[in-house]
Each structure stands twice: as structure tokens, then as C-alpha cells.
Amino acid sequence: MMSSGYFVDWDGNVRSVDDPGGGYLCEADLPARYVAITTKTGTLVHEATFYRSLADIEKAGIKAGLVPGAHPWGRKADGF
């Protein structure tokens, strides 16, 4: 299920559920506030908390910047 909102990736960047980048897909469970980030074949690569807005992330005490889907996941040094 897709829904507009945000999550924090493994590098500490905020990403949109609608455009996670990296060729990944997102499935959000809104009541559980859970986001599963998967490959196109369904392999789970990351799990995160779902936030409805950037203000909700700020209220949670998370200081992270929003990156576009074009921003790479991981670093070259990590094999990405």
C-alpha cells in the first residue's frame, strides 16, 4: 500500500515513501507506522518508521535532511 509520507533510511536521510529512490519500492502500514522498503522482486532491504509529515519527524527529535529519490542509498565505500 502506498501513502504519502516519509521514513528515515539507513544513512539517516529522510526519504519520501512515494519516491524512495535506488530502484526500491515502499509498502506502508499506516496503523502500525511501518514502512517496508523492498527491491522490485520483493526482497526486503530496509524497515523504517512511517511519518506522515516532516513536522512529525521533527517532533520525534530526528534531525535529518530530506533527500530526493535520485540521491544514492549507501556509500561507494560500502559497496553501493
PDB file of N, CA and C in Angstrom:
ATOM      1  N   MET A   1       0.842  -1.174   0.000  1.00  0.00           N
ATOM      2  CA  MET A   1       0.000   0.000   0.000  1.00  0.00           C
ATOM      3  C   MET A   1       0.890   1.241   0.000  1.00  0.00           C
ATOM      4  N   MET A   2       0.644   2.161  -0.875  1.00  0.00           N
ATOM      5  CA  MET A   2       1.397   3.403  -0.949  1.00  0.00           C
ATOM      6  C   MET A   2       0.617   4.509  -0.239  1.00  0.00           C
ATOM      7  N   SER A   3       1.335   5.364   0.414  1.00  0.00           N
ATOM      8  CA  SER A   3       0.708   6.515   1.041  1.00  0.00           C
ATOM      9  C   SER A   3       1.751   7.599   1.195  1.00  0.00           C
ATOM     10  N   SER A   4       1.379   8.824   0.924  1.00  0.00           N
ATOM     11  CA  SER A   4       2.330   9.916   1.079  1.00  0.00           C
ATOM     12  C   SER A   4       2.792   9.977   2.515  1.00  0.00           C
ATOM     13  N   GLY A   5       4.076  10.106   2.671  1.00  0.00           N
ATOM     14  CA  GLY A   5       4.684  10.177   3.981  1.00  0.00           C
ATOM     15  C   GLY A   5       6.184  10.015   3.833  1.00  0.00           C
ATOM     16  N   TYR A   6       6.855   9.822   4.959  1.00  0.00           N
ATOM     17  CA  TYR A   6       8.310   9.812   4.976  1.00  0.00           C
ATOM     18  C   TYR A   6       8.845   8.709   5.882  1.00  0.00           C
ATOM     19  N   PHE A   7      10.121   8.398   5.680  1.00  0.00           N
ATOM     20  CA  PHE A   7      10.841   7.467   6.534  1.00  0.00           C
ATOM     21  C   PHE A   7      12.307   7.871   6.550  1.00  0.00           C
ATOM     22  N   VAL A   8      13.068   7.324   7.490  1.00  0.00           N
ATOM     23  CA  VAL A   8      14.494   7.593   7.583  1.00  0.00           C
ATOM     24  C   VAL A   8      15.235   6.369   7.057  1.00  0.00           C
ATOM     25  N   ASP A   9      16.149   6.589   6.094  1.00  0.00           N
ATOM     26  CA  ASP A   9      16.897   5.465   5.517  1.00  0.00           C
ATOM     27  C   ASP A   9      18.075   5.073   6.409  1.00  0.00           C
ATOM     28  N   TRP A  10      18.849   4.073   5.990  1.00  0.00           N
ATOM     29  CA  TRP A  10      19.937   3.557   6.828  1.00  0.00           C
ATOM     30  C   TRP A  10      21.110   4.522   6.945  1.00  0.00           C
ATOM     31  N   ASP A  11      21.150   5.569   6.151  1.00  0.00           N
ATOM     32  CA  ASP A  11      22.190   6.583   6.265  1.00  0.00           C
ATOM     33  C   ASP A  11      21.725   7.794   7.068  1.00  0.00           C
ATOM     34  N   GLY A  12      20.498   7.769   7.557  1.00  0.00           N
ATOM     35  CA  GLY A  12      19.973   8.870   8.341  1.00  0.00           C
ATOM     36  C   GLY A  12      19.347   9.979   7.521  1.00  0.00           C
ATOM     37  N   ASN A  13      19.056   9.698   6.262  1.00  0.00           N
ATOM     38  CA  ASN A  13      18.382  10.664   5.393  1.00  0.00           C
ATOM     39  C   ASN A  13      16.879  10.432   5.440  1.00  0.00           C
ATOM     40  N   VAL A  14      16.120  11.506   5.308  1.00  0.00           N
ATOM     41  CA  VAL A  14      14.670  11.390   5.202  1.00  0.00           C
ATOM     42  C   VAL A  14      14.327  11.205   3.728  1.00  0.00           C
ATOM     43  N   ARG A  15      13.464  10.245   3.439  1.00  0.00           N
ATOM     44  CA  ARG A  15      13.033   9.957   2.072  1.00  0.00           C
ATOM     45  C   ARG A  15      11.512   9.878   2.022  1.00  0.00           C
ATOM     46  N   SER A  16      10.984  10.177   0.849  1.00  0.00           N
ATOM     47  CA  SER A  16       9.548  10.086   0.629  1.00  0.00           C
ATOM     48  C   SER A  16       9.161   8.634   0.349  1.00  0.00           C
ATOM     49  N   VAL A  17       8.065   8.209   0.923  1.00  0.00           N
ATOM     50  CA  VAL A  17       7.532   6.874   0.643  1.00  0.00           C
ATOM     51  C   VAL A  17       7.166   6.756  -0.841  1.00  0.00           C
ATOM     52  N   ASP A  18       6.752   7.862  -1.441  1.00  0.00           N
ATOM     53  CA  ASP A  18       6.352   7.874  -2.850  1.00  0.00           C
ATOM     54  C   ASP A  18       7.532   7.800  -3.809  1.00  0.00           C
ATOM     55  N   ASP A  19       8.732   8.166  -3.357  1.00  0.00           N
ATOM     56  CA  ASP A  19       9.919   8.182  -4.218  1.00  0.00           C
ATOM     57  C   ASP A  19      11.149   7.822  -3.395  1.00  0.00           C
ATOM     58  N   PRO A  20      11.282   6.528  -3.011  1.00  0.00           N
ATOM     59  CA  PRO A  20      12.405   6.145  -2.159  1.00  0.00           C
ATOM     60  C   PRO A  20      13.751   6.133  -2.875  1.00  0.00           C
ATOM     61  N   GLY A  21      13.741   6.035  -4.208  1.00  0.00           N
ATOM     62  CA  GLY A  21      14.983   6.001  -4.960  1.00  0.00           C
ATOM     63  C   GLY A  21      15.633   4.627  -4.920  1.00  0.00           C
ATOM     64  N   GLY A  22      16.769   4.516  -5.599  1.00  0.00           N
ATOM     65  CA  GLY A  22      17.540   3.276  -5.606  1.00  0.00           C
ATOM     66  C   GLY A  22      16.855   2.120  -6.303  1.00  0.00           C
ATOM     67  N   GLY A  23      15.770   2.397  -7.010  1.00  0.00           N
ATOM     68  CA  GLY A  23      15.017   1.319  -7.631  1.00  0.00           C
ATOM     69  C   GLY A  23      14.165   0.546  -6.635  1.00  0.00           C
ATOM     70  N   TYR A  24      14.051   1.057  -5.422  1.00  0.00           N
ATOM     71  CA  TYR A  24      13.287   0.387  -4.373  1.00  0.00           C
ATOM     72  C   TYR A  24      11.817   0.794  -4.392  1.00  0.00           C
ATOM     73  N   LEU A  25      11.000  -0.034  -3.770  1.00  0.00           N
ATOM     74  CA  LEU A  25       9.570   0.217  -3.598  1.00  0.00           C
ATOM     75  C   LEU A  25       9.270   0.283  -2.108  1.00  0.00           C
ATOM     76  N   CYS A  26       8.217   0.991  -1.752  1.00  0.00           N
ATOM     77  CA  CYS A  26       7.805   1.078  -0.348  1.00  0.00           C
ATOM     78  C   CYS A  26       6.404   0.535  -0.173  1.00  0.00           C
ATOM     79  N   GLU A  27       6.219  -0.171   0.923  1.00  0.00           N
ATOM     80  CA  GLU A  27       4.886  -0.576   1.374  1.00  0.00           C
ATOM     81  C   GLU A  27       4.730  -0.016   2.773  1.00  0.00           C
ATOM     82  N   ALA A  28       3.692   0.784   2.975  1.00  0.00           N
ATOM     83  CA  ALA A  28       3.467   1.407   4.269  1.00  0.00           C
ATOM     84  C   ALA A  28       2.247   0.818   4.951  1.00  0.00           C
ATOM     85  N   ASP A  29       2.387   0.486   6.228  1.00  0.00           N
ATOM     86  CA  ASP A  29       1.284   0.046   7.079  1.00  0.00           C
ATOM     87  C   ASP A  29       1.009   1.222   8.016  1.00  0.00           C
ATOM     88  N   LEU A  30       0.020   2.026   7.666  1.00  0.00           N
ATOM     89  CA  LEU A  30      -0.231   3.264   8.405  1.00  0.00           C
ATOM     90  C   LEU A  30      -0.590   3.045   9.865  1.00  0.00           C
ATOM     91  N   PRO A  31      -1.520   2.120  10.217  1.00  0.00           N
ATOM     92  CA  PRO A  31      -1.832   1.941  11.636  1.00  0.00           C
ATOM     93  C   PRO A  31      -0.611   1.525  12.464  1.00  0.00           C
ATOM     94  N   ALA A  32       0.282   0.736  11.874  1.00  0.00           N
ATOM     95  CA  ALA A  32       1.475   0.287  12.588  1.00  0.00           C
ATOM     96  C   ALA A  32       2.624   1.284  12.483  1.00  0.00           C
ATOM     97  N   ARG A  33       2.476   2.311  11.609  1.00  0.00           N
ATOM     98  CA  ARG A  33       3.531   3.295  11.344  1.00  0.00           C
ATOM     99  C   ARG A  33       4.804   2.593  10.880  1.00  0.00           C
ATOM    100  N   TYR A  34       4.644   1.640   9.978  1.00  0.00           N
ATOM    101  CA  TYR A  34       5.744   0.796   9.498  1.00  0.00           C
ATOM    102  C   TYR A  34       5.919   0.955   7.992  1.00  0.00           C
ATOM    103  N   VAL A  35       7.165   1.008   7.552  1.00  0.00           N
ATOM    104  CA  VAL A  35       7.471   1.055   6.132  1.00  0.00           C
ATOM    105  C   VAL A  35       8.435  -0.081   5.813  1.00  0.00           C
ATOM    106  N   ALA A  36       8.099  -0.874   4.806  1.00  0.00           N
ATOM    107  CA  ALA A  36       8.991  -1.912   4.293  1.00  0.00           C
ATOM    108  C   ALA A  36       9.528  -1.419   2.958  1.00  0.00           C
ATOM    109  N   ILE A  37      10.838  -1.385   2.826  1.00  0.00           N
ATOM    110  CA  ILE A  37      11.471  -0.973   1.577  1.00  0.00           C
ATOM    111  C   ILE A  37      12.004  -2.242   0.931  1.00  0.00           C
ATOM    112  N   THR A  38      11.563  -2.492  -0.299  1.00  0.00           N
ATOM    113  CA  THR A  38      11.902  -3.735  -0.977  1.00  0.00           C
ATOM    114  C   THR A  38      12.475  -3.480  -2.371  1.00  0.00           C
ATOM    115  N   THR A  39      13.117  -4.529  -2.905  1.00  0.00           N
ATOM    116  CA  THR A  39      13.521  -4.490  -4.304  1.00  0.00           C
ATOM    117  C   THR A  39      12.275  -4.754  -5.136  1.00  0.00           C
ATOM    118  N   LYS A  40      12.393  -4.597  -6.443  1.00  0.00           N
ATOM    119  CA  LYS A  40      11.237  -4.847  -7.320  1.00  0.00           C
ATOM    120  C   LYS A  40      10.799  -6.302  -7.298  1.00  0.00           C
ATOM    121  N   THR A  41      11.704  -7.209  -6.874  1.00  0.00           N
ATOM    122  CA  THR A  41      11.346  -8.628  -6.794  1.00  0.00           C
ATOM    123  C   THR A  41      10.824  -9.010  -5.409  1.00  0.00           C
ATOM    124  N   GLY A  42      10.750  -8.027  -4.494  1.00  0.00           N
ATOM    125  CA  GLY A  42      10.148  -8.267  -3.192  1.00  0.00           C
ATOM    126  C   GLY A  42      11.113  -8.550  -2.054  1.00  0.00           C
ATOM    127  N   THR A  43      12.407  -8.471  -2.290  1.00  0.00           N
ATOM    128  CA  THR A  43      13.373  -8.692  -1.221  1.00  0.00           C
ATOM    129  C   THR A  43      13.391  -7.483  -0.283  1.00  0.00           C
ATOM    130  N   LEU A  44      13.203  -7.733   1.000  1.00  0.00           N
ATOM    131  CA  LEU A  44      13.209  -6.669   1.999  1.00  0.00           C
ATOM    132  C   LEU A  44      14.634  -6.177   2.204  1.00  0.00           C
ATOM    133  N   VAL A  45      14.861  -4.861   2.049  1.00  0.00           N
ATOM    134  CA  VAL A  45      16.198  -4.300   2.234  1.00  0.00           C
ATOM    135  C   VAL A  45      16.284  -3.339   3.421  1.00  0.00           C
ATOM    136  N   HIS A  46      15.138  -2.839   3.881  1.00  0.00           N
ATOM    137  CA  HIS A  46      15.156  -1.889   4.992  1.00  0.00           C
ATOM    138  C   HIS A  46      13.760  -1.805   5.597  1.00  0.00           C
ATOM    139  N   GLU A  47      13.717  -1.595   6.905  1.00  0.00           N
ATOM    140  CA  GLU A  47      12.465  -1.357   7.608  1.00  0.00           C
ATOM    141  C   GLU A  47      12.589  -0.016   8.326  1.00  0.00           C
ATOM    142  N   ALA A  48      11.499   0.719   8.386  1.00  0.00           N
ATOM    143  CA  ALA A  48      11.555   2.046   8.989  1.00  0.00           C
ATOM    144  C   ALA A  48      10.203   2.425   9.586  1.00  0.00           C
ATOM    145  N   THR A  49      10.224   3.487  10.360  1.00  0.00           N
ATOM    146  CA  THR A  49       9.012   4.061  10.927  1.00  0.00           C
ATOM    147  C   THR A  49       8.401   5.015   9.915  1.00  0.00           C
ATOM    148  N   PHE A  50       7.094   4.953   9.765  1.00  0.00           N
ATOM    149  CA  PHE A  50       6.362   5.843   8.863  1.00  0.00           C
ATOM    150  C   PHE A  50       6.020   7.135   9.591  1.00  0.00           C
ATOM    151  N   TYR A  51       6.295   8.261   8.945  1.00  0.00           N
ATOM    152  CA  TYR A  51       5.922   9.577   9.455  1.00  0.00           C
ATOM    153  C   TYR A  51       5.049  10.257   8.407  1.00  0.00           C
ATOM    154  N   ARG A  52       3.923  10.806   8.822  1.00  0.00           N
ATOM    155  CA  ARG A  52       3.005  11.474   7.884  1.00  0.00           C
ATOM    156  C   ARG A  52       3.569  12.777   7.337  1.00  0.00           C
ATOM    157  N   SER A  53       4.387  13.465   8.107  1.00  0.00           N
ATOM    158  CA  SER A  53       4.888  14.766   7.674  1.00  0.00           C
ATOM    159  C   SER A  53       6.313  14.980   8.173  1.00  0.00           C
ATOM    160  N   LEU A  54       6.966  15.977   7.583  1.00  0.00           N
ATOM    161  CA  LEU A  54       8.298  16.346   8.050  1.00  0.00           C
ATOM    162  C   LEU A  54       8.231  16.906   9.471  1.00  0.00           C
ATOM    163  N   ALA A  55       7.118  17.565   9.798  1.00  0.00           N
ATOM    164  CA  ALA A  55       6.932  18.086  11.159  1.00  0.00           C
ATOM    165  C   ALA A  55       6.882  16.944  12.175  1.00  0.00           C
ATOM    166  N   ASP A  56       6.294  15.808  11.802  1.00  0.00           N
ATOM    167  CA  ASP A  56       6.248  14.652  12.702  1.00  0.00           C
ATOM    168  C   ASP A  56       7.645  14.107  12.972  1.00  0.00           C
ATOM    169  N   ILE A  57       8.499  14.145  11.961  1.00  0.00           N
ATOM    170  CA  ILE A  57       9.890  13.701  12.144  1.00  0.00           C
ATOM    171  C   ILE A  57      10.602  14.635  13.111  1.00  0.00           C
ATOM    172  N   GLU A  58      10.390  15.918  12.929  1.00  0.00           N
ATOM    173  CA  GLU A  58      10.997  16.914  13.812  1.00  0.00           C
ATOM    174  C   GLU A  58      10.499  16.745  15.250  1.00  0.00           C
ATOM    175  N   LYS A  59       9.184  16.506  15.414  1.00  0.00           N
ATOM    176  CA  LYS A  59       8.609  16.291  16.749  1.00  0.00           C
ATOM    177  C   LYS A  59       9.207  15.076  17.435  1.00  0.00           C
ATOM    178  N   ALA A  60       9.626  14.086  16.643  1.00  0.00           N
ATOM    179  CA  ALA A  60      10.237  12.875  17.198  1.00  0.00           C
ATOM    180  C   ALA A  60      11.692  13.116  17.603  1.00  0.00           C
ATOM    181  N   GLY A  61      12.196  14.332  17.347  1.00  0.00           N
ATOM    182  CA  GLY A  61      13.554  14.662  17.739  1.00  0.00           C
ATOM    183  C   GLY A  61      14.605  14.238  16.725  1.00  0.00           C
ATOM    184  N   ILE A  62      14.164  13.893  15.531  1.00  0.00           N
ATOM    185  CA  ILE A  62      15.084  13.448  14.487  1.00  0.00           C
ATOM    186  C   ILE A  62      15.500  14.659  13.665  1.00  0.00           C
ATOM    187  N   LYS A  63      16.802  14.851  13.563  1.00  0.00           N
ATOM    188  CA  LYS A  63      17.336  15.947  12.767  1.00  0.00           C
ATOM    189  C   LYS A  63      17.997  15.333  11.541  1.00  0.00           C
ATOM    190  N   ALA A  64      17.276  15.315  10.450  1.00  0.00           N
ATOM    191  CA  ALA A  64      17.764  14.715   9.210  1.00  0.00           C
ATOM    192  C   ALA A  64      17.210  15.504   8.038  1.00  0.00           C
ATOM    193  N   GLY A  65      17.971  15.525   6.964  1.00  0.00           N
ATOM    194  CA  GLY A  65      17.546  16.250   5.779  1.00  0.00           C
ATOM    195  C   GLY A  65      16.778  15.378   4.807  1.00  0.00           C
ATOM    196  N   LEU A  66      15.832  15.997   4.114  1.00  0.00           N
ATOM    197  CA  LEU A  66      15.059  15.320   3.082  1.00  0.00           C
ATOM    198  C   LEU A  66      15.913  15.240   1.822  1.00  0.00           C
ATOM    199  N   VAL A  67      16.029  14.037   1.262  1.00  0.00           N
ATOM    200  CA  VAL A  67      16.767  13.860   0.016  1.00  0.00           C
ATOM    201  C   VAL A  67      15.814  13.383  -1.071  1.00  0.00           C
ATOM    202  N   PRO A  68      16.110  13.727  -2.328  1.00  0.00           N
ATOM    203  CA  PRO A  68      15.261  13.262  -3.437  1.00  0.00           C
ATOM    204  C   PRO A  68      15.537  11.795  -3.740  1.00  0.00           C
ATOM    205  N   GLY A  69      14.652  11.174  -4.480  1.00  0.00           N
ATOM    206  CA  GLY A  69      14.838   9.778  -4.864  1.00  0.00           C
ATOM    207  C   GLY A  69      16.117   9.544  -5.639  1.00  0.00           C
ATOM    208  N   ALA A  70      16.618  10.568  -6.328  1.00  0.00           N
ATOM    209  CA  ALA A  70      17.853  10.437  -7.102  1.00  0.00           C
ATOM    210  C   ALA A  70      19.096  10.340  -6.214  1.00  0.00           C
ATOM    211  N   HIS A  71      18.967  10.701  -4.945  1.00  0.00           N
ATOM    212  CA  HIS A  71      20.097  10.618  -4.018  1.00  0.00           C
ATOM    213  C   HIS A  71      20.420   9.147  -3.773  1.00  0.00           C
ATOM    214  N   PRO A  72      21.688   8.736  -3.915  1.00  0.00           N
ATOM    215  CA  PRO A  72      22.016   7.320  -3.771  1.00  0.00           C
ATOM    216  C   PRO A  72      21.849   6.795  -2.345  1.00  0.00           C
ATOM    217  N   TRP A  73      21.480   5.538  -2.267  1.00  0.00           N
ATOM    218  CA  TRP A  73      21.437   4.825  -0.992  1.00  0.00           C
ATOM    219  C   TRP A  73      22.849   4.329  -0.716  1.00  0.00           C
ATOM    220  N   GLY A  74      23.308   4.443   0.504  1.00  0.00           N
ATOM    221  CA  GLY A  74      24.624   3.929   0.867  1.00  0.00           C
ATOM    222  C   GLY A  74      25.738   4.749   0.256  1.00  0.00           C
ATOM    223  N   ARG A  75      26.941   4.298   0.551  1.00  0.00           N
ATOM    224  CA  ARG A  75      28.123   4.980   0.046  1.00  0.00           C
ATOM    225  C   ARG A  75      28.926   4.007  -0.822  1.00  0.00           C
ATOM    226  N   LYS A  76      29.706   4.555  -1.705  1.00  0.00           N
ATOM    227  CA  LYS A  76      30.542   3.728  -2.580  1.00  0.00           C
ATOM    228  C   LYS A  76      31.475   2.851  -1.739  1.00  0.00           C
ATOM    229  N   ALA A  77      31.983   3.399  -0.635  1.00  0.00           N
ATOM    230  CA  ALA A  77      32.874   2.655   0.253  1.00  0.00           C
ATOM    231  C   ALA A  77      32.172   1.434   0.866  1.00  0.00           C
ATOM    232  N   ASP A  78      30.841   1.477   0.932  1.00  0.00           N
ATOM    233  CA  ASP A  78      30.069   0.367   1.494  1.00  0.00           C
ATOM    234  C   ASP A  78      29.664  -0.648   0.432  1.00  0.00           C
ATOM    235  N   GLY A  79      30.081  -0.396  -0.808  1.00  0.00           N
ATOM    236  CA  GLY A  79      29.738  -1.319  -1.897  1.00  0.00           C
ATOM    237  C   GLY A  79      28.513  -0.938  -2.686  1.00  0.00           C
ATOM    238  N   PHE A  80      28.020   0.275  -2.501  1.00  0.00           N
ATOM    239  CA  PHE A  80      26.834   0.717  -3.221  1.00  0.00           C
ATOM    240  C   PHE A  80      27.207   1.624  -4.361  1.00  0.00           C
TER     241      PHE A  80
END
